[in-house]
Amino acid sequence: MLFTKDLKGVGNDADKGCVSTLAHTMMTAARPTDSGLVGPGELDRYPYAEAPVPDRVGSPAWEGAEPELGRVSRRAAGRGRGLHGQLVQQLGQMIVSGDLGADRPLVPEEIGQRFEVSRTVVRESLRVLEAKGLVSARPNVGTRVRPVSDWNLLDPDIIEWRAFGPQRDDQRRELSELRWTIEPLAARLAAGHGREDVQQRLVDMVEIMGHALGQGDALTFSRADSEFHSLLIQVAGNRMLEHLSGIVSAALQVSGGPVTGCDRPNETSVAQHARIVDALAAADGAAAESAMRQLLTVHPEIERVVPAPREH
C-alpha cells in the first residue's frame, strides 16, 4: 500500500507522540557546528595592537551593539560556541545589516573593550568572519569589512543574517529561486538511487510532520521538514548537489517571504511530502520531480508575518 494511503490516520491516533527511535534521535540531535578554534600560528594574523590607518573614517558604529553578549545571542550559546559564537553573530549581523559598512576598519582592541571579551575571543571571531568572506586582514592595513561581492552568500549563517536584516526580501526571493532549481532535480535523481534505509528515514520524517501537525508543534514540524529535504538531496547521488543540502536547510529555517508548501504546516503540505516519498519508492523520477515542484510552488496570496530569528 502506498504511503499516502496510510497517511490518512496520521495525527488521529491516541499516541501521536510515538515515533521510531531513529526518527526521534534525528529530531533531537544537536546541529553540528564548526568549533571555530584557530590553528597553530593563526592568532598572529590579527595583531591586537594595530598600527594607525591614515584614511580611517570615524569610529565603528558600536552604538547599536549590545556589550552584554550573554544577553544578546542565546542562540549562539545554545550552539555550544560561548562568547566566541556570540561575538561572531553580533559582528556578522552588524556587517550584513550595513551598520559596519564596506571598508570599515575593525580594530580588535576596540572590539574587545566594547564587548568586554578577551583577545583570543576577538581573534577567533575575526578568523571565522574572514572565512565567511565578511572581513579581510592584511599587514599594514589591518582588518576591514569586505564588500558584499566578496561574501560567501551560501554560508548558512550569512543566509540567516541577511534574512533577518534589511536585505530579507531579496534573500528570501533568491533562496526560493535557488530551491526551485536544486530540489526538483535532486528528487528526480534520488528516484534512481533507492535505498531502504534512506527511504525509511524519509517515511519517518513525514510521520513526524504528521504527528507534529496534529499536536500543533511547529518547531518539530520544521525540523522534520528540514531533515526530509536534506536527506533527499544527499541520496540524489550527486556530490555537488549534496554540498548544497546545508543551504536548503538554512532556507527552510528562514521564515517569512514567499509561501511554499514547506512554509505553512497543514495536511496538504504533509500529503505533498508523502507523494514525493511514494514516487521515490516507485523509482519514478518524473513523478518525484513534479511532486517537488508542486511542493515548492509559491503562493503569493498568502501573507506571512516575519518573526524573530530562529532559536537553536
C-alpha atoms as a PDB file:
ATOM      1  CA  MET A   1       0.000   0.000   0.000  1.00  0.00           C
ATOM      2  CA  LEU A   2       1.318   3.433  -0.880  1.00  0.00           C
ATOM      3  CA  PHE A   3       2.442   5.694   1.911  1.00  0.00           C
ATOM      4  CA  THR A   4      -0.091   8.398   1.051  1.00  0.00           C
ATOM      5  CA  LYS A   5      -2.905   5.946   1.744  1.00  0.00           C
ATOM      6  CA  ASP A   6      -1.502   5.123   5.153  1.00  0.00           C
ATOM      7  CA  LEU A   7      -1.106   8.799   5.935  1.00  0.00           C
ATOM      8  CA  LYS A   8      -4.797   9.455   6.467  1.00  0.00           C
ATOM      9  CA  GLY A   9      -4.618   8.230  10.018  1.00  0.00           C
ATOM     10  CA  VAL A  10      -1.587  10.300  10.946  1.00  0.00           C
ATOM     11  CA  GLY A  11      -2.383  12.746  13.721  1.00  0.00           C
ATOM     12  CA  ASN A  12      -5.570  10.901  14.754  1.00  0.00           C
ATOM     13  CA  ASP A  13      -4.016   8.122  16.801  1.00  0.00           C
ATOM     14  CA  ALA A  14      -4.146   8.383  20.556  1.00  0.00           C
ATOM     15  CA  ASP A  15      -0.431   8.024  20.801  1.00  0.00           C
ATOM     16  CA  LYS A  16       0.590  10.869  18.486  1.00  0.00           C
ATOM     17  CA  GLY A  17       3.944  11.248  20.126  1.00  0.00           C
ATOM     18  CA  CYS A  18       5.149   7.761  19.282  1.00  0.00           C
ATOM     19  CA  VAL A  19       7.748   7.828  16.550  1.00  0.00           C
ATOM     20  CA  SER A  20      10.566   5.480  15.722  1.00  0.00           C
ATOM     21  CA  THR A  21      13.722   5.615  17.796  1.00  0.00           C
ATOM     22  CA  LEU A  22      15.692   6.537  14.691  1.00  0.00           C
ATOM     23  CA  ALA A  23      13.404   9.446  13.871  1.00  0.00           C
ATOM     24  CA  HIS A  24      13.357  10.689  17.469  1.00  0.00           C
ATOM     25  CA  THR A  25      17.140  10.599  17.597  1.00  0.00           C
ATOM     26  CA  MET A  26      17.438  12.588  14.390  1.00  0.00           C
ATOM     27  CA  MET A  27      14.957  15.195  15.597  1.00  0.00           C
ATOM     28  CA  THR A  28      16.663  15.739  18.942  1.00  0.00           C
ATOM     29  CA  ALA A  29      20.261  15.629  17.740  1.00  0.00           C
ATOM     30  CA  ALA A  30      22.110  18.908  18.074  1.00  0.00           C
ATOM     31  CA  ARG A  31      23.009  20.757  14.899  1.00  0.00           C
ATOM     32  CA  PRO A  32      26.691  20.133  14.115  1.00  0.00           C
ATOM     33  CA  THR A  33      28.768  23.285  14.131  1.00  0.00           C
ATOM     34  CA  ASP A  34      32.269  24.332  13.430  1.00  0.00           C
ATOM     35  CA  SER A  35      34.229  24.605  16.646  1.00  0.00           C
ATOM     36  CA  GLY A  36      35.733  27.809  15.375  1.00  0.00           C
ATOM     37  CA  LEU A  37      39.050  27.085  17.065  1.00  0.00           C
ATOM     38  CA  VAL A  38      42.115  28.570  15.499  1.00  0.00           C
ATOM     39  CA  GLY A  39      45.043  26.587  14.238  1.00  0.00           C
ATOM     40  CA  PRO A  40      48.672  26.965  15.292  1.00  0.00           C
ATOM     41  CA  GLY A  41      50.069  30.370  14.428  1.00  0.00           C
ATOM     42  CA  GLU A  42      46.773  31.811  13.183  1.00  0.00           C
ATOM     43  CA  LEU A  43      46.227  34.144  16.106  1.00  0.00           C
ATOM     44  CA  ASP A  44      49.104  36.333  14.934  1.00  0.00           C
ATOM     45  CA  ARG A  45      47.151  37.250  11.801  1.00  0.00           C
ATOM     46  CA  TYR A  46      45.021  39.589  13.907  1.00  0.00           C
ATOM     47  CA  PRO A  47      47.522  41.674  15.917  1.00  0.00           C
ATOM     48  CA  TYR A  48      45.788  43.125  18.923  1.00  0.00           C
ATOM     49  CA  ALA A  49      47.562  46.451  18.681  1.00  0.00           C
ATOM     50  CA  GLU A  50      47.104  47.543  15.100  1.00  0.00           C
ATOM     51  CA  ALA A  51      49.067  50.353  13.511  1.00  0.00           C
ATOM     52  CA  PRO A  52      47.030  53.536  12.907  1.00  0.00           C
ATOM     53  CA  VAL A  53      45.369  53.677   9.500  1.00  0.00           C
ATOM     54  CA  PRO A  54      45.678  57.140   7.917  1.00  0.00           C
ATOM     55  CA  ASP A  55      42.424  57.079   5.945  1.00  0.00           C
ATOM     56  CA  ARG A  56      40.336  55.698   8.760  1.00  0.00           C
ATOM     57  CA  VAL A  57      36.906  57.311   8.789  1.00  0.00           C
ATOM     58  CA  GLY A  58      35.421  57.758  12.246  1.00  0.00           C
ATOM     59  CA  SER A  59      34.797  55.022  14.775  1.00  0.00           C
ATOM     60  CA  PRO A  60      32.807  51.863  14.139  1.00  0.00           C
ATOM     61  CA  ALA A  61      29.076  52.213  14.746  1.00  0.00           C
ATOM     62  CA  TRP A  62      29.016  50.340  18.021  1.00  0.00           C
ATOM     63  CA  GLU A  63      26.010  52.268  19.347  1.00  0.00           C
ATOM     64  CA  GLY A  64      23.592  49.588  18.193  1.00  0.00           C
ATOM     65  CA  ALA A  65      25.648  46.770  19.634  1.00  0.00           C
ATOM     66  CA  GLU A  66      24.932  45.155  22.952  1.00  0.00           C
ATOM     67  CA  PRO A  67      28.010  44.943  25.196  1.00  0.00           C
ATOM     68  CA  GLU A  68      26.459  42.214  27.328  1.00  0.00           C
ATOM     69  CA  LEU A  69      26.962  39.349  24.901  1.00  0.00           C
ATOM     70  CA  GLY A  70      25.337  36.896  27.293  1.00  0.00           C
ATOM     71  CA  ARG A  71      22.052  38.751  26.742  1.00  0.00           C
ATOM     72  CA  VAL A  72      22.459  39.301  23.026  1.00  0.00           C
ATOM     73  CA  SER A  73      22.659  35.899  21.470  1.00  0.00           C
ATOM     74  CA  ARG A  74      21.481  32.974  23.495  1.00  0.00           C
ATOM     75  CA  ARG A  75      21.121  31.134  20.176  1.00  0.00           C
ATOM     76  CA  ALA A  76      24.886  31.145  19.702  1.00  0.00           C
ATOM     77  CA  ALA A  77      25.444  29.909  23.225  1.00  0.00           C
ATOM     78  CA  GLY A  78      22.952  27.144  22.512  1.00  0.00           C
ATOM     79  CA  ARG A  79      25.214  26.029  19.689  1.00  0.00           C
ATOM     80  CA  GLY A  80      27.982  25.446  22.192  1.00  0.00           C
ATOM     81  CA  ARG A  81      30.180  28.304  20.989  1.00  0.00           C
ATOM     82  CA  GLY A  82      30.037  30.505  24.071  1.00  0.00           C
ATOM     83  CA  LEU A  83      31.269  34.096  23.844  1.00  0.00           C
ATOM     84  CA  HIS A  84      33.125  33.392  20.616  1.00  0.00           C
ATOM     85  CA  GLY A  85      29.942  32.307  18.826  1.00  0.00           C
ATOM     86  CA  GLN A  86      28.018  35.222  20.268  1.00  0.00           C
ATOM     87  CA  LEU A  87      30.602  37.743  19.079  1.00  0.00           C
ATOM     88  CA  VAL A  88      30.672  36.187  15.610  1.00  0.00           C
ATOM     89  CA  GLN A  89      26.909  36.543  15.393  1.00  0.00           C
ATOM     90  CA  GLN A  90      26.883  40.111  16.724  1.00  0.00           C
ATOM     91  CA  LEU A  91      29.593  41.343  14.351  1.00  0.00           C
ATOM     92  CA  GLY A  92      28.199  39.319  11.447  1.00  0.00           C
ATOM     93  CA  GLN A  93      24.757  40.807  11.861  1.00  0.00           C
ATOM     94  CA  MET A  94      26.208  44.329  12.068  1.00  0.00           C
ATOM     95  CA  ILE A  95      28.198  43.815   8.860  1.00  0.00           C
ATOM     96  CA  VAL A  96      25.340  42.248   6.912  1.00  0.00           C
ATOM     97  CA  SER A  97      22.875  44.917   8.078  1.00  0.00           C
ATOM     98  CA  GLY A  98      25.223  47.666   6.916  1.00  0.00           C
ATOM     99  CA  ASP A  99      25.908  49.063  10.384  1.00  0.00           C
ATOM    100  CA  LEU A 100      29.550  48.235   9.665  1.00  0.00           C
ATOM    101  CA  GLY A 101      29.905  49.181   6.008  1.00  0.00           C
ATOM    102  CA  ALA A 102      32.385  48.045   3.380  1.00  0.00           C
ATOM    103  CA  ASP A 103      35.998  49.033   4.016  1.00  0.00           C
ATOM    104  CA  ARG A 104      35.216  49.920   7.628  1.00  0.00           C
ATOM    105  CA  PRO A 105      38.312  49.273   9.767  1.00  0.00           C
ATOM    106  CA  LEU A 106      37.792  46.865  12.668  1.00  0.00           C
ATOM    107  CA  VAL A 107      40.289  47.351  15.462  1.00  0.00           C
ATOM    108  CA  PRO A 108      40.479  44.233  17.655  1.00  0.00           C
ATOM    109  CA  GLU A 109      41.322  46.293  20.740  1.00  0.00           C
ATOM    110  CA  GLU A 110      38.168  48.404  20.310  1.00  0.00           C
ATOM    111  CA  ILE A 111      36.046  45.296  19.795  1.00  0.00           C
ATOM    112  CA  GLY A 112      37.474  43.686  22.917  1.00  0.00           C
ATOM    113  CA  GLN A 113      36.789  46.765  25.009  1.00  0.00           C
ATOM    114  CA  ARG A 114      33.304  47.313  23.636  1.00  0.00           C
ATOM    115  CA  PHE A 115      32.109  43.751  24.153  1.00  0.00           C
ATOM    116  CA  GLU A 116      34.275  43.013  27.190  1.00  0.00           C
ATOM    117  CA  VAL A 117      35.834  39.884  25.748  1.00  0.00           C
ATOM    118  CA  SER A 118      39.385  38.588  25.628  1.00  0.00           C
ATOM    119  CA  ARG A 119      41.923  38.985  22.852  1.00  0.00           C
ATOM    120  CA  THR A 120      41.581  35.309  21.969  1.00  0.00           C
ATOM    121  CA  VAL A 121      37.805  35.596  21.565  1.00  0.00           C
ATOM    122  CA  VAL A 122      38.186  38.627  19.284  1.00  0.00           C
ATOM    123  CA  ARG A 123      40.839  36.962  17.143  1.00  0.00           C
ATOM    124  CA  GLU A 124      38.906  33.713  16.782  1.00  0.00           C
ATOM    125  CA  SER A 125      35.772  35.639  15.839  1.00  0.00           C
ATOM    126  CA  LEU A 126      37.565  37.675  13.180  1.00  0.00           C
ATOM    127  CA  ARG A 127      39.065  34.491  11.772  1.00  0.00           C
ATOM    128  CA  VAL A 128      35.590  32.972  11.374  1.00  0.00           C
ATOM    129  CA  LEU A 129      34.261  36.149   9.756  1.00  0.00           C
ATOM    130  CA  GLU A 130      37.194  36.149   7.353  1.00  0.00           C
ATOM    131  CA  ALA A 131      36.397  32.555   6.359  1.00  0.00           C
ATOM    132  CA  LYS A 132      32.876  33.725   5.514  1.00  0.00           C
ATOM    133  CA  GLY A 133      34.299  36.490   3.317  1.00  0.00           C
ATOM    134  CA  LEU A 134      32.975  39.290   5.537  1.00  0.00           C
ATOM    135  CA  VAL A 135      36.334  40.754   6.588  1.00  0.00           C
ATOM    136  CA  SER A 136      39.944  40.678   5.439  1.00  0.00           C
ATOM    137  CA  ALA A 137      43.147  41.094   7.424  1.00  0.00           C
ATOM    138  CA  ARG A 138      46.299  42.395   5.755  1.00  0.00           C
ATOM    139  CA  PRO A 139      49.642  43.577   7.098  1.00  0.00           C
ATOM    140  CA  ASN A 140      49.940  47.365   7.467  1.00  0.00           C
ATOM    141  CA  VAL A 141      46.272  47.724   6.591  1.00  0.00           C
ATOM    142  CA  GLY A 142      44.547  45.919   9.445  1.00  0.00           C
ATOM    143  CA  THR A 143      41.176  44.236   9.465  1.00  0.00           C
ATOM    144  CA  ARG A 144      38.487  45.721   7.249  1.00  0.00           C
ATOM    145  CA  VAL A 145      34.939  44.869   6.220  1.00  0.00           C
ATOM    146  CA  ARG A 146      34.727  43.442   2.706  1.00  0.00           C
ATOM    147  CA  PRO A 147      32.102  44.394   0.083  1.00  0.00           C
ATOM    148  CA  VAL A 148      29.026  42.227  -0.492  1.00  0.00           C
ATOM    149  CA  SER A 149      30.549  40.851  -3.688  1.00  0.00           C
ATOM    150  CA  ASP A 150      33.194  39.074  -1.573  1.00  0.00           C
ATOM    151  CA  TRP A 151      30.784  37.487   0.921  1.00  0.00           C
ATOM    152  CA  ASN A 152      30.095  33.759   0.885  1.00  0.00           C
ATOM    153  CA  LEU A 153      26.367  34.169   0.284  1.00  0.00           C
ATOM    154  CA  LEU A 154      25.862  30.394   0.528  1.00  0.00           C
ATOM    155  CA  ASP A 155      27.112  30.287   4.111  1.00  0.00           C
ATOM    156  CA  PRO A 156      24.178  29.254   6.390  1.00  0.00           C
ATOM    157  CA  ASP A 157      24.938  31.990   8.936  1.00  0.00           C
ATOM    158  CA  ILE A 158      25.042  34.711   6.283  1.00  0.00           C
ATOM    159  CA  ILE A 159      21.784  33.369   4.856  1.00  0.00           C
ATOM    160  CA  GLU A 160      20.178  33.783   8.268  1.00  0.00           C
ATOM    161  CA  TRP A 161      21.680  37.209   8.940  1.00  0.00           C
ATOM    162  CA  ARG A 162      20.541  38.523   5.568  1.00  0.00           C
ATOM    163  CA  ALA A 163      17.081  37.018   6.036  1.00  0.00           C
ATOM    164  CA  PHE A 164      16.508  38.989   9.215  1.00  0.00           C
ATOM    165  CA  GLY A 165      18.137  42.208   8.071  1.00  0.00           C
ATOM    166  CA  PRO A 166      17.398  44.946   5.546  1.00  0.00           C
ATOM    167  CA  GLN A 167      18.071  42.508   2.669  1.00  0.00           C
ATOM    168  CA  ARG A 168      15.477  39.984   3.827  1.00  0.00           C
ATOM    169  CA  ASP A 169      13.150  40.333   0.824  1.00  0.00           C
ATOM    170  CA  ASP A 170      15.970  39.776  -1.661  1.00  0.00           C
ATOM    171  CA  GLN A 171      17.363  36.919   0.428  1.00  0.00           C
ATOM    172  CA  ARG A 172      14.096  35.026   0.588  1.00  0.00           C
ATOM    173  CA  ARG A 173      13.384  35.515  -3.106  1.00  0.00           C
ATOM    174  CA  GLU A 174      16.875  34.298  -4.019  1.00  0.00           C
ATOM    175  CA  LEU A 175      16.538  31.275  -1.727  1.00  0.00           C
ATOM    176  CA  SER A 176      13.172  30.384  -3.242  1.00  0.00           C
ATOM    177  CA  GLU A 177      14.608  30.579  -6.754  1.00  0.00           C
ATOM    178  CA  LEU A 178      17.636  28.507  -5.749  1.00  0.00           C
ATOM    179  CA  ARG A 179      15.487  25.797  -4.185  1.00  0.00           C
ATOM    180  CA  TRP A 180      13.296  25.682  -7.295  1.00  0.00           C
ATOM    181  CA  THR A 181      16.431  24.968  -9.310  1.00  0.00           C
ATOM    182  CA  ILE A 182      18.023  22.423  -6.968  1.00  0.00           C
ATOM    183  CA  GLU A 183      15.341  20.304  -5.340  1.00  0.00           C
ATOM    184  CA  PRO A 184      13.205  19.073  -8.258  1.00  0.00           C
ATOM    185  CA  LEU A 185      16.386  17.824  -9.921  1.00  0.00           C
ATOM    186  CA  ALA A 186      17.501  16.196  -6.670  1.00  0.00           C
ATOM    187  CA  ALA A 187      14.118  14.464  -6.376  1.00  0.00           C
ATOM    188  CA  ARG A 188      14.404  13.098  -9.913  1.00  0.00           C
ATOM    189  CA  LEU A 189      17.922  11.789  -9.287  1.00  0.00           C
ATOM    190  CA  ALA A 190      17.008  10.349  -5.885  1.00  0.00           C
ATOM    191  CA  ALA A 191      14.331   8.181  -7.500  1.00  0.00           C
ATOM    192  CA  GLY A 192      17.086   6.240  -9.219  1.00  0.00           C
ATOM    193  CA  HIS A 193      19.126   5.688  -6.065  1.00  0.00           C
ATOM    194  CA  GLY A 194      16.638   3.836  -3.909  1.00  0.00           C
ATOM    195  CA  ARG A 195      17.998   2.707  -0.538  1.00  0.00           C
ATOM    196  CA  GLU A 196      15.742   1.091   2.004  1.00  0.00           C
ATOM    197  CA  ASP A 197      17.357   2.793   4.985  1.00  0.00           C
ATOM    198  CA  VAL A 198      17.023   6.270   3.461  1.00  0.00           C
ATOM    199  CA  GLN A 199      13.518   5.504   2.245  1.00  0.00           C
ATOM    200  CA  GLN A 200      12.538   4.558   5.795  1.00  0.00           C
ATOM    201  CA  ARG A 201      14.089   7.735   7.187  1.00  0.00           C
ATOM    202  CA  LEU A 202      12.077   9.812   4.711  1.00  0.00           C
ATOM    203  CA  VAL A 203       8.938   7.958   5.795  1.00  0.00           C
ATOM    204  CA  ASP A 204       9.877   8.705   9.418  1.00  0.00           C
ATOM    205  CA  MET A 205      10.174  12.404   8.654  1.00  0.00           C
ATOM    206  CA  VAL A 206       6.736  12.540   7.041  1.00  0.00           C
ATOM    207  CA  GLU A 207       5.264  10.669  10.001  1.00  0.00           C
ATOM    208  CA  ILE A 208       6.862  13.123  12.408  1.00  0.00           C
ATOM    209  CA  MET A 209       5.473  16.025  10.398  1.00  0.00           C
ATOM    210  CA  GLY A 210       2.012  14.460  10.620  1.00  0.00           C
ATOM    211  CA  HIS A 211       2.271  13.930  14.378  1.00  0.00           C
ATOM    212  CA  ALA A 212       3.664  17.447  14.890  1.00  0.00           C
ATOM    213  CA  LEU A 213       0.823  18.930  12.847  1.00  0.00           C
ATOM    214  CA  GLY A 214      -1.747  17.127  14.991  1.00  0.00           C
ATOM    215  CA  GLN A 215      -0.099  18.438  18.148  1.00  0.00           C
ATOM    216  CA  GLY A 216       0.394  21.970  16.871  1.00  0.00           C
ATOM    217  CA  ASP A 217       4.165  21.609  17.267  1.00  0.00           C
ATOM    218  CA  ALA A 218       5.559  23.943  14.603  1.00  0.00           C
ATOM    219  CA  LEU A 219       9.175  23.544  15.735  1.00  0.00           C
ATOM    220  CA  THR A 220       9.202  19.750  15.373  1.00  0.00           C
ATOM    221  CA  PHE A 221       7.404  20.074  12.040  1.00  0.00           C
ATOM    222  CA  SER A 222      10.131  22.442  10.823  1.00  0.00           C
ATOM    223  CA  ARG A 223      12.945  20.157  11.970  1.00  0.00           C
ATOM    224  CA  ALA A 224      11.404  17.126  10.286  1.00  0.00           C
ATOM    225  CA  ASP A 225      10.838  19.130   7.111  1.00  0.00           C
ATOM    226  CA  SER A 226      14.472  20.269   7.080  1.00  0.00           C
ATOM    227  CA  GLU A 227      15.706  16.713   7.634  1.00  0.00           C
ATOM    228  CA  PHE A 228      13.463  15.430   4.841  1.00  0.00           C
ATOM    229  CA  HIS A 229      14.866  17.810   2.247  1.00  0.00           C
ATOM    230  CA  SER A 230      18.462  17.324   3.346  1.00  0.00           C
ATOM    231  CA  LEU A 231      18.095  13.546   3.104  1.00  0.00           C
ATOM    232  CA  LEU A 232      16.588  13.770  -0.351  1.00  0.00           C
ATOM    233  CA  ILE A 233      19.470  15.872  -1.659  1.00  0.00           C
ATOM    234  CA  GLN A 234      22.045  13.600  -0.057  1.00  0.00           C
ATOM    235  CA  VAL A 235      20.577  10.498  -1.679  1.00  0.00           C
ATOM    236  CA  ALA A 236      20.493  12.054  -5.153  1.00  0.00           C
ATOM    237  CA  GLY A 237      23.922  10.593  -5.867  1.00  0.00           C
ATOM    238  CA  ASN A 238      25.439  13.928  -6.900  1.00  0.00           C
ATOM    239  CA  ARG A 239      28.210  15.124  -4.608  1.00  0.00           C
ATOM    240  CA  MET A 240      27.986  18.718  -5.778  1.00  0.00           C
ATOM    241  CA  LEU A 241      24.285  18.792  -5.006  1.00  0.00           C
ATOM    242  CA  GLU A 242      24.980  17.159  -1.657  1.00  0.00           C
ATOM    243  CA  HIS A 243      27.133  20.118  -0.665  1.00  0.00           C
ATOM    244  CA  LEU A 244      24.098  22.342  -1.135  1.00  0.00           C
ATOM    245  CA  SER A 245      21.989  20.496   1.446  1.00  0.00           C
ATOM    246  CA  GLY A 246      23.103  22.919   4.157  1.00  0.00           C
ATOM    247  CA  ILE A 247      21.789  25.820   2.090  1.00  0.00           C
ATOM    248  CA  VAL A 248      18.397  24.177   1.738  1.00  0.00           C
ATOM    249  CA  SER A 249      18.305  23.533   5.494  1.00  0.00           C
ATOM    250  CA  ALA A 250      19.105  27.180   6.160  1.00  0.00           C
ATOM    251  CA  ALA A 251      16.412  28.259   3.698  1.00  0.00           C
ATOM    252  CA  LEU A 252      13.829  26.098   5.461  1.00  0.00           C
ATOM    253  CA  GLN A 253      14.692  27.716   8.798  1.00  0.00           C
ATOM    254  CA  VAL A 254      14.141  31.201   7.390  1.00  0.00           C
ATOM    255  CA  SER A 255      10.505  32.152   7.887  1.00  0.00           C
ATOM    256  CA  GLY A 256       8.551  34.790   6.034  1.00  0.00           C
ATOM    257  CA  GLY A 257       8.675  35.851   2.415  1.00  0.00           C
ATOM    258  CA  PRO A 258       7.089  33.820  -0.411  1.00  0.00           C
ATOM    259  CA  VAL A 259       4.970  30.987   0.965  1.00  0.00           C
ATOM    260  CA  THR A 260       5.505  27.448  -0.317  1.00  0.00           C
ATOM    261  CA  GLY A 261       4.188  24.110   0.891  1.00  0.00           C
ATOM    262  CA  CYS A 262       7.099  23.925   3.311  1.00  0.00           C
ATOM    263  CA  ASP A 263       6.299  27.231   4.988  1.00  0.00           C
ATOM    264  CA  ARG A 264       2.780  26.529   6.132  1.00  0.00           C
ATOM    265  CA  PRO A 265       2.268  23.366   8.229  1.00  0.00           C
ATOM    266  CA  ASN A 266      -1.006  21.759   7.132  1.00  0.00           C
ATOM    267  CA  GLU A 267      -2.376  18.469   5.860  1.00  0.00           C
ATOM    268  CA  THR A 268      -1.749  19.443   2.249  1.00  0.00           C
ATOM    269  CA  SER A 269       1.946  20.011   2.933  1.00  0.00           C
ATOM    270  CA  VAL A 270       2.271  16.638   4.663  1.00  0.00           C
ATOM    271  CA  ALA A 271       0.453  14.931   1.781  1.00  0.00           C
ATOM    272  CA  GLN A 272       2.750  16.599  -0.762  1.00  0.00           C
ATOM    273  CA  HIS A 273       5.810  15.293   1.072  1.00  0.00           C
ATOM    274  CA  ALA A 274       4.216  11.854   1.150  1.00  0.00           C
ATOM    275  CA  ARG A 275       3.689  11.917  -2.615  1.00  0.00           C
ATOM    276  CA  ILE A 276       7.397  12.547  -3.069  1.00  0.00           C
ATOM    277  CA  VAL A 277       8.141   9.512  -0.889  1.00  0.00           C
ATOM    278  CA  ASP A 278       5.769   7.385  -2.954  1.00  0.00           C
ATOM    279  CA  ALA A 279       7.418   8.478  -6.207  1.00  0.00           C
ATOM    280  CA  LEU A 280      10.868   7.669  -4.834  1.00  0.00           C
ATOM    281  CA  ALA A 281       9.694   4.240  -3.688  1.00  0.00           C
ATOM    282  CA  ALA A 282       8.334   3.589  -7.190  1.00  0.00           C
ATOM    283  CA  ALA A 283      11.596   4.833  -8.756  1.00  0.00           C
ATOM    284  CA  ASP A 284       9.503   7.302 -10.764  1.00  0.00           C
ATOM    285  CA  GLY A 285      11.838  10.239 -11.315  1.00  0.00           C
ATOM    286  CA  ALA A 286       9.350  12.323 -13.309  1.00  0.00           C
ATOM    287  CA  ALA A 287       6.677  11.956 -10.626  1.00  0.00           C
ATOM    288  CA  ALA A 288       9.153  12.816  -7.874  1.00  0.00           C
ATOM    289  CA  GLU A 289      10.262  15.945  -9.728  1.00  0.00           C
ATOM    290  CA  SER A 290       6.667  17.001 -10.381  1.00  0.00           C
ATOM    291  CA  ALA A 291       5.668  16.443  -6.753  1.00  0.00           C
ATOM    292  CA  MET A 292       8.609  18.519  -5.560  1.00  0.00           C
ATOM    293  CA  ARG A 293       7.705  21.372  -7.905  1.00  0.00           C
ATOM    294  CA  GLN A 294       4.173  21.311  -6.532  1.00  0.00           C
ATOM    295  CA  LEU A 295       5.524  21.494  -3.006  1.00  0.00           C
ATOM    296  CA  LEU A 296       7.779  24.436  -3.835  1.00  0.00           C
ATOM    297  CA  THR A 297       5.138  26.394  -5.726  1.00  0.00           C
ATOM    298  CA  VAL A 298       4.901  29.880  -4.256  1.00  0.00           C
ATOM    299  CA  HIS A 299       1.520  31.110  -3.062  1.00  0.00           C
ATOM    300  CA  PRO A 300       1.738  34.928  -3.255  1.00  0.00           C
ATOM    301  CA  GLU A 301      -1.823  35.374  -1.987  1.00  0.00           C
ATOM    302  CA  ILE A 302      -0.766  34.155   1.489  1.00  0.00           C
ATOM    303  CA  GLU A 303       0.923  36.770   3.629  1.00  0.00           C
ATOM    304  CA  ARG A 304       3.406  35.855   6.322  1.00  0.00           C
ATOM    305  CA  VAL A 305       4.391  37.756   9.431  1.00  0.00           C
ATOM    306  CA  VAL A 306       8.177  37.922   9.692  1.00  0.00           C
ATOM    307  CA  PRO A 307       9.154  36.557  13.120  1.00  0.00           C
ATOM    308  CA  ALA A 308      12.355  36.971  15.080  1.00  0.00           C
ATOM    309  CA  PRO A 309      15.405  34.895  14.023  1.00  0.00           C
ATOM    310  CA  ARG A 310      15.086  31.198  14.711  1.00  0.00           C
ATOM    311  CA  GLU A 311      16.001  29.633  18.034  1.00  0.00           C
ATOM    312  CA  HIS A 312      18.537  26.803  18.049  1.00  0.00           C
END
